[in-house]
């Protein structure tokens, strides 16, 4: 149960306490803004005290900008790599198809015919040698 006030009805006292807290916070924020915007509220001491916070915000802004540039560079690199992979895939497929065509029996027979090799008509013959016993030598 994250919000116990939604499930149970508030009593009058609880409602008054909550409204007093809200009014106090609203009044404190109004007083802060009035003191900040008044000529006496903005002093050199406050400006010096705010320098570390302003420097921190500037640092966060620089980190944010650098992260954005890095993300854009990464996206461009991914896009370039994707296009290169597609191109290489197409090239691989076309070379594979050419190789499949050139490695068929009829294509190989035409290529080696110029060298003088012919396809066998009769099945190959096996040559059997008699094993010589080396212990007799």
N, C-alpha and C. Protein backbone atom coordinates (compact mmCIF):
# COMPACT_ATOMS: atom_id res chain seq x y z
N UNK A 1 0.85 -1.16 0.00
CA UNK A 1 0.00 0.00 0.00
C UNK A 1 0.90 1.23 0.00
N UNK A 2 0.94 1.93 -1.10
CA UNK A 2 1.81 3.08 -1.21
C UNK A 2 1.18 4.34 -0.63
N UNK A 3 -0.10 4.53 -0.83
CA UNK A 3 -0.74 5.75 -0.37
C UNK A 3 -1.86 5.39 0.58
N UNK A 4 -1.60 5.55 1.86
CA UNK A 4 -2.62 5.16 2.84
C UNK A 4 -3.75 6.17 2.92
N UNK A 5 -3.52 7.42 2.44
CA UNK A 5 -4.57 8.43 2.50
C UNK A 5 -5.66 8.19 1.46
N UNK A 6 -5.34 7.54 0.36
CA UNK A 6 -6.35 7.28 -0.66
C UNK A 6 -7.36 6.24 -0.21
N UNK A 7 -6.90 5.27 0.56
CA UNK A 7 -7.77 4.16 0.92
C UNK A 7 -8.64 4.46 2.14
N UNK A 8 -8.17 5.32 3.02
CA UNK A 8 -8.94 5.61 4.23
C UNK A 8 -9.44 7.05 4.17
N UNK A 9 -10.62 7.26 4.71
CA UNK A 9 -11.17 8.60 4.75
C UNK A 9 -10.44 9.39 5.84
N UNK A 10 -10.13 10.64 5.56
CA UNK A 10 -9.40 11.47 6.52
C UNK A 10 -10.38 12.12 7.49
N UNK A 11 -9.92 12.21 8.72
CA UNK A 11 -10.74 12.90 9.71
C UNK A 11 -10.55 14.40 9.55
N UNK A 12 -11.36 15.18 10.23
CA UNK A 12 -11.26 16.63 10.14
C UNK A 12 -9.91 17.11 10.64
N UNK A 13 -9.43 16.49 11.71
CA UNK A 13 -8.14 16.91 12.29
C UNK A 13 -7.00 16.62 11.31
N UNK A 14 -7.03 15.46 10.68
CA UNK A 14 -5.98 15.12 9.73
C UNK A 14 -6.00 16.07 8.53
N UNK A 15 -7.19 16.42 8.08
CA UNK A 15 -7.31 17.35 6.96
C UNK A 15 -6.76 18.72 7.34
N UNK A 16 -7.02 19.17 8.55
CA UNK A 16 -6.51 20.47 8.99
C UNK A 16 -4.98 20.44 9.08
N UNK A 17 -4.42 19.36 9.59
CA UNK A 17 -2.96 19.24 9.70
C UNK A 17 -2.33 19.26 8.32
N UNK A 18 -2.90 18.52 7.40
CA UNK A 18 -2.35 18.49 6.03
C UNK A 18 -2.47 19.85 5.36
N UNK A 19 -3.59 20.53 5.53
CA UNK A 19 -3.75 21.84 4.90
C UNK A 19 -2.79 22.86 5.53
N UNK A 20 -2.56 22.76 6.86
CA UNK A 20 -1.60 23.66 7.51
C UNK A 20 -0.19 23.43 6.97
N UNK A 21 0.19 22.17 6.75
CA UNK A 21 1.52 21.86 6.22
C UNK A 21 1.67 22.42 4.81
N UNK A 22 0.65 22.26 3.99
CA UNK A 22 0.70 22.77 2.61
C UNK A 22 0.80 24.28 2.61
N UNK A 23 0.01 24.95 3.45
CA UNK A 23 0.06 26.41 3.53
C UNK A 23 1.42 26.90 4.02
N UNK A 24 2.02 26.19 4.96
CA UNK A 24 3.33 26.59 5.48
C UNK A 24 4.39 26.46 4.38
N UNK A 25 4.35 25.39 3.62
CA UNK A 25 5.31 25.22 2.53
C UNK A 25 5.11 26.27 1.45
N UNK A 26 3.89 26.58 1.12
CA UNK A 26 3.61 27.61 0.11
C UNK A 26 4.09 28.96 0.60
N UNK A 27 3.86 29.28 1.87
CA UNK A 27 4.31 30.55 2.43
C UNK A 27 5.83 30.64 2.44
N UNK A 28 6.49 29.55 2.78
CA UNK A 28 7.96 29.56 2.80
C UNK A 28 8.52 29.79 1.40
N UNK A 29 7.90 29.18 0.39
CA UNK A 29 8.41 29.38 -0.97
C UNK A 29 8.15 30.80 -1.45
N UNK A 30 7.00 31.38 -1.07
CA UNK A 30 6.72 32.77 -1.44
C UNK A 30 7.73 33.71 -0.79
N UNK A 31 8.03 33.47 0.48
CA UNK A 31 9.00 34.32 1.18
C UNK A 31 10.39 34.18 0.56
N UNK A 32 10.75 32.98 0.16
CA UNK A 32 12.05 32.78 -0.46
C UNK A 32 12.15 33.55 -1.77
N UNK A 33 11.12 33.45 -2.60
CA UNK A 33 11.13 34.16 -3.88
C UNK A 33 11.15 35.68 -3.66
N UNK A 34 10.38 36.17 -2.67
CA UNK A 34 10.38 37.61 -2.39
C UNK A 34 11.76 38.06 -1.92
N UNK A 35 12.39 37.29 -1.08
CA UNK A 35 13.71 37.67 -0.58
C UNK A 35 14.76 37.58 -1.68
N UNK A 36 14.60 36.66 -2.58
CA UNK A 36 15.57 36.51 -3.66
C UNK A 36 15.43 37.63 -4.68
N UNK A 37 14.21 38.04 -4.96
CA UNK A 37 13.97 39.06 -5.98
C UNK A 37 14.07 40.49 -5.44
N UNK A 38 14.09 40.65 -4.16
CA UNK A 38 14.21 42.01 -3.61
C UNK A 38 15.66 42.48 -3.75
N UNK A 39 15.88 43.78 -3.79
CA UNK A 39 17.26 44.28 -3.93
C UNK A 39 18.16 43.87 -2.77
N UNK A 40 17.60 43.76 -1.60
CA UNK A 40 18.43 43.34 -0.46
C UNK A 40 18.63 41.83 -0.44
N UNK A 41 17.78 41.07 -1.12
CA UNK A 41 17.87 39.61 -1.09
C UNK A 41 19.01 39.06 -1.92
N UNK A 42 19.36 39.76 -2.97
CA UNK A 42 20.44 39.27 -3.83
C UNK A 42 21.69 40.08 -3.52
N UNK A 43 22.58 39.46 -2.80
CA UNK A 43 23.80 40.15 -2.40
C UNK A 43 25.01 39.44 -2.98
N UNK A 44 26.14 40.07 -2.84
CA UNK A 44 27.37 39.46 -3.35
C UNK A 44 27.73 38.20 -2.56
N UNK A 45 27.37 38.18 -1.29
CA UNK A 45 27.65 36.98 -0.47
C UNK A 45 26.84 35.80 -0.98
N UNK A 46 25.58 36.05 -1.34
CA UNK A 46 24.76 34.97 -1.88
C UNK A 46 25.26 34.52 -3.25
N UNK A 47 25.72 35.48 -4.04
CA UNK A 47 26.25 35.13 -5.36
C UNK A 47 27.50 34.27 -5.23
N UNK A 48 28.36 34.62 -4.30
CA UNK A 48 29.58 33.83 -4.09
C UNK A 48 29.22 32.46 -3.54
N UNK A 49 28.22 32.39 -2.69
CA UNK A 49 27.80 31.11 -2.14
C UNK A 49 27.18 30.22 -3.21
N UNK A 50 26.61 30.84 -4.25
CA UNK A 50 25.95 30.06 -5.31
C UNK A 50 26.91 29.61 -6.40
N UNK A 51 28.15 30.06 -6.40
CA UNK A 51 29.10 29.71 -7.45
C UNK A 51 29.33 28.20 -7.56
N UNK A 52 29.53 27.45 -6.46
CA UNK A 52 29.72 26.00 -6.62
C UNK A 52 28.52 25.31 -7.27
N UNK A 53 27.31 25.74 -6.90
CA UNK A 53 26.11 25.14 -7.48
C UNK A 53 26.01 25.47 -8.96
N UNK A 54 26.30 26.71 -9.33
CA UNK A 54 26.27 27.10 -10.74
C UNK A 54 27.34 26.35 -11.53
N UNK A 55 28.52 26.17 -10.94
CA UNK A 55 29.58 25.41 -11.60
C UNK A 55 29.15 23.95 -11.78
N UNK A 56 28.47 23.40 -10.79
CA UNK A 56 27.97 22.03 -10.90
C UNK A 56 26.95 21.92 -12.02
N UNK A 57 26.05 22.89 -12.13
CA UNK A 57 25.06 22.88 -13.21
C UNK A 57 25.73 23.01 -14.58
N UNK A 58 26.76 23.86 -14.66
CA UNK A 58 27.49 24.00 -15.93
C UNK A 58 28.19 22.69 -16.29
N UNK A 59 28.77 22.02 -15.29
CA UNK A 59 29.41 20.73 -15.53
C UNK A 59 28.40 19.70 -16.04
N UNK A 60 27.23 19.67 -15.42
CA UNK A 60 26.19 18.75 -15.88
C UNK A 60 25.75 19.06 -17.31
N UNK A 61 25.68 20.35 -17.65
CA UNK A 61 25.29 20.73 -19.02
C UNK A 61 26.36 20.27 -20.01
N UNK A 62 27.63 20.41 -19.66
CA UNK A 62 28.72 19.97 -20.55
C UNK A 62 28.66 18.46 -20.73
N UNK A 63 28.43 17.72 -19.65
CA UNK A 63 28.31 16.26 -19.73
C UNK A 63 27.13 15.88 -20.61
N UNK A 64 26.01 16.57 -20.47
CA UNK A 64 24.82 16.29 -21.27
C UNK A 64 25.10 16.52 -22.75
N UNK A 65 25.76 17.62 -23.08
CA UNK A 65 26.06 17.93 -24.48
C UNK A 65 27.04 16.91 -25.05
N UNK A 66 28.05 16.57 -24.28
CA UNK A 66 29.04 15.57 -24.75
C UNK A 66 28.37 14.22 -24.97
N UNK A 67 27.47 13.84 -24.08
CA UNK A 67 26.77 12.56 -24.23
C UNK A 67 25.91 12.57 -25.48
N UNK A 68 25.28 13.69 -25.78
CA UNK A 68 24.45 13.80 -27.00
C UNK A 68 25.30 13.64 -28.26
N UNK A 69 26.47 14.30 -28.28
CA UNK A 69 27.36 14.18 -29.43
C UNK A 69 27.85 12.75 -29.60
N UNK A 70 28.19 12.11 -28.49
CA UNK A 70 28.66 10.72 -28.55
C UNK A 70 27.56 9.81 -29.07
N UNK A 71 26.33 10.03 -28.64
CA UNK A 71 25.20 9.20 -29.10
C UNK A 71 24.97 9.40 -30.60
N UNK A 72 25.05 10.63 -31.08
CA UNK A 72 24.86 10.89 -32.51
C UNK A 72 25.97 10.24 -33.34
N UNK A 73 27.22 10.33 -32.86
CA UNK A 73 28.32 9.69 -33.57
C UNK A 73 28.15 8.17 -33.61
N UNK A 74 27.68 7.61 -32.52
CA UNK A 74 27.45 6.16 -32.47
C UNK A 74 26.36 5.75 -33.45
N UNK A 75 25.30 6.53 -33.53
CA UNK A 75 24.20 6.22 -34.46
C UNK A 75 24.71 6.28 -35.90
N UNK A 76 25.51 7.30 -36.21
CA UNK A 76 26.07 7.40 -37.57
C UNK A 76 26.96 6.20 -37.87
N UNK A 77 27.79 5.81 -36.92
CA UNK A 77 28.68 4.66 -37.12
C UNK A 77 27.88 3.38 -37.33
N UNK A 78 26.83 3.20 -36.56
CA UNK A 78 25.98 2.01 -36.72
C UNK A 78 25.33 2.01 -38.09
N UNK A 79 24.86 3.17 -38.55
CA UNK A 79 24.24 3.27 -39.87
C UNK A 79 25.25 2.93 -40.97
N UNK A 80 26.46 3.46 -40.87
CA UNK A 80 27.50 3.16 -41.86
C UNK A 80 27.84 1.68 -41.87
N UNK A 81 27.98 1.10 -40.69
CA UNK A 81 28.31 -0.33 -40.61
C UNK A 81 27.18 -1.19 -41.17
N UNK A 82 25.94 -0.80 -40.93
CA UNK A 82 24.80 -1.55 -41.45
C UNK A 82 24.79 -1.53 -42.97
N UNK A 83 25.04 -0.34 -43.55
CA UNK A 83 25.10 -0.26 -45.02
C UNK A 83 26.24 -1.11 -45.57
N UNK A 84 27.39 -1.09 -44.90
CA UNK A 84 28.54 -1.87 -45.37
C UNK A 84 28.25 -3.37 -45.28
N UNK A 85 27.59 -3.78 -44.21
CA UNK A 85 27.24 -5.21 -44.06
C UNK A 85 26.27 -5.63 -45.15
N UNK A 86 25.30 -4.79 -45.49
CA UNK A 86 24.36 -5.12 -46.56
C UNK A 86 25.09 -5.27 -47.89
N UNK A 87 26.00 -4.32 -48.18
CA UNK A 87 26.76 -4.38 -49.43
C UNK A 87 27.60 -5.65 -49.49
N UNK A 88 28.29 -5.97 -48.39
CA UNK A 88 29.13 -7.18 -48.37
C UNK A 88 28.29 -8.44 -48.47
N UNK A 89 27.10 -8.41 -47.91
CA UNK A 89 26.21 -9.57 -48.02
C UNK A 89 25.79 -9.79 -49.47
N UNK A 90 25.44 -8.70 -50.17
CA UNK A 90 25.07 -8.82 -51.58
C UNK A 90 26.25 -9.32 -52.40
N UNK A 91 27.43 -8.80 -52.12
CA UNK A 91 28.61 -9.23 -52.86
C UNK A 91 28.90 -10.71 -52.61
N UNK A 92 28.77 -11.14 -51.35
CA UNK A 92 29.00 -12.55 -51.01
C UNK A 92 28.02 -13.45 -51.76
N UNK A 93 26.76 -13.05 -51.79
CA UNK A 93 25.75 -13.88 -52.46
C UNK A 93 26.00 -13.97 -53.96
N UNK A 94 26.40 -12.86 -54.57
CA UNK A 94 26.66 -12.91 -56.02
C UNK A 94 27.92 -13.74 -56.32
N UNK A 95 28.96 -13.60 -55.50
CA UNK A 95 30.17 -14.41 -55.71
C UNK A 95 29.90 -15.89 -55.48
N UNK A 96 29.07 -16.19 -54.50
CA UNK A 96 28.72 -17.58 -54.23
C UNK A 96 27.94 -18.17 -55.41
N UNK A 97 27.03 -17.40 -55.98
CA UNK A 97 26.27 -17.89 -57.14
C UNK A 97 27.19 -18.12 -58.33
N UNK A 98 28.14 -17.20 -58.57
CA UNK A 98 29.11 -17.38 -59.66
C UNK A 98 29.95 -18.63 -59.45
N UNK A 99 30.40 -18.83 -58.21
CA UNK A 99 31.22 -20.01 -57.91
C UNK A 99 30.41 -21.29 -58.10
N UNK A 100 29.16 -21.28 -57.70
CA UNK A 100 28.32 -22.47 -57.88
C UNK A 100 28.16 -22.78 -59.36
N UNK A 101 28.00 -21.74 -60.18
CA UNK A 101 27.86 -21.95 -61.61
C UNK A 101 29.16 -22.49 -62.21
N UNK A 102 30.29 -21.91 -61.80
CA UNK A 102 31.58 -22.31 -62.38
C UNK A 102 32.05 -23.67 -61.89
N UNK A 103 31.50 -24.16 -60.79
CA UNK A 103 31.94 -25.46 -60.28
C UNK A 103 31.06 -26.62 -60.73
N UNK A 104 30.11 -26.37 -61.62
CA UNK A 104 29.31 -27.49 -62.15
C UNK A 104 30.20 -28.34 -63.06
N UNK A 105 29.84 -29.58 -63.25
CA UNK A 105 30.67 -30.51 -64.00
C UNK A 105 30.86 -30.06 -65.45
N UNK A 106 29.81 -29.56 -66.06
CA UNK A 106 29.92 -29.15 -67.46
C UNK A 106 30.86 -27.94 -67.60
N UNK A 107 30.79 -26.99 -66.69
CA UNK A 107 31.67 -25.82 -66.74
C UNK A 107 33.13 -26.22 -66.50
N UNK A 108 33.36 -27.12 -65.55
CA UNK A 108 34.73 -27.57 -65.28
C UNK A 108 35.27 -28.33 -66.48
N UNK A 109 34.44 -29.15 -67.11
CA UNK A 109 34.88 -29.91 -68.29
C UNK A 109 35.26 -28.96 -69.43
N UNK A 110 34.50 -27.91 -69.62
CA UNK A 110 34.84 -26.94 -70.67
C UNK A 110 36.16 -26.22 -70.36
N UNK A 111 36.41 -25.90 -69.10
CA UNK A 111 37.63 -25.19 -68.73
C UNK A 111 38.87 -26.07 -68.90
N UNK A 112 38.79 -27.34 -68.49
CA UNK A 112 39.98 -28.22 -68.58
C UNK A 112 40.16 -28.79 -69.97
N UNK A 113 39.18 -28.66 -70.85
CA UNK A 113 39.30 -29.16 -72.22
C UNK A 113 40.39 -28.39 -72.95
N UNK A 114 40.55 -27.12 -72.64
CA UNK A 114 41.60 -26.32 -73.29
C UNK A 114 42.99 -26.78 -72.88
N UNK A 115 43.12 -27.37 -71.71
CA UNK A 115 44.41 -27.88 -71.23
C UNK A 115 44.71 -29.25 -71.83
N UNK A 116 43.70 -29.95 -72.27
CA UNK A 116 43.87 -31.27 -72.86
C UNK A 116 43.34 -32.39 -72.00
N UNK A 117 42.72 -32.08 -70.89
CA UNK A 117 42.15 -33.11 -70.04
C UNK A 117 40.76 -33.47 -70.53
N UNK A 118 40.44 -34.75 -70.47
CA UNK A 118 39.12 -35.23 -70.91
C UNK A 118 38.45 -35.93 -69.73
N UNK A 119 37.16 -35.99 -69.76
CA UNK A 119 36.40 -36.69 -68.73
C UNK A 119 36.56 -38.19 -68.94
N UNK A 120 36.64 -38.95 -67.86
CA UNK A 120 36.78 -40.40 -67.94
C UNK A 120 35.48 -41.03 -68.43
N UNK A 121 35.65 -41.98 -69.31
CA UNK A 121 34.49 -42.73 -69.78
C UNK A 121 34.39 -44.02 -68.99
N UNK A 122 35.52 -44.67 -68.78
CA UNK A 122 35.57 -45.92 -68.02
C UNK A 122 35.84 -45.59 -66.55
N UNK A 123 35.39 -46.48 -65.67
CA UNK A 123 35.66 -46.22 -64.26
C UNK A 123 37.17 -46.32 -63.97
N UNK A 124 37.66 -45.67 -62.97
CA UNK A 124 39.08 -45.72 -62.66
C UNK A 124 39.52 -47.12 -62.24
N UNK A 125 40.81 -47.45 -62.48
CA UNK A 125 41.34 -48.76 -62.14
C UNK A 125 42.15 -48.64 -60.86
N UNK A 126 42.08 -49.67 -60.05
CA UNK A 126 42.84 -49.70 -58.81
C UNK A 126 44.15 -50.41 -59.04
N UNK A 127 45.20 -49.89 -58.49
CA UNK A 127 46.52 -50.52 -58.57
C UNK A 127 46.82 -51.12 -57.22
N UNK A 128 47.11 -52.43 -57.25
CA UNK A 128 47.40 -53.14 -56.01
C UNK A 128 48.87 -53.58 -56.06
N UNK A 129 49.60 -53.20 -55.08
CA UNK A 129 51.01 -53.59 -54.98
C UNK A 129 51.14 -54.73 -53.97
N UNK A 130 52.01 -55.66 -54.27
CA UNK A 130 52.28 -56.72 -53.31
C UNK A 130 53.15 -56.15 -52.19
N UNK A 131 52.74 -56.44 -51.02
CA UNK A 131 53.50 -55.94 -49.88
C UNK A 131 54.76 -56.75 -49.72
N UNK A 132 55.89 -56.11 -49.65
CA UNK A 132 57.19 -56.78 -49.49
C UNK A 132 57.53 -56.77 -48.01
N UNK A 133 57.93 -57.94 -47.53
CA UNK A 133 58.26 -58.07 -46.12
C UNK A 133 59.64 -57.47 -45.90
N UNK A 134 59.75 -56.49 -45.07
CA UNK A 134 61.00 -55.81 -44.85
C UNK A 134 61.96 -56.63 -43.97
N UNK A 135 61.52 -57.65 -43.30
CA UNK A 135 62.40 -58.45 -42.47
C UNK A 135 63.29 -59.36 -43.31
N UNK A 136 62.93 -59.65 -44.53
CA UNK A 136 63.72 -60.51 -45.40
C UNK A 136 64.93 -59.76 -45.95
N UNK A 137 64.92 -58.48 -46.01
CA UNK A 137 66.04 -57.71 -46.57
C UNK A 137 67.17 -57.71 -45.68
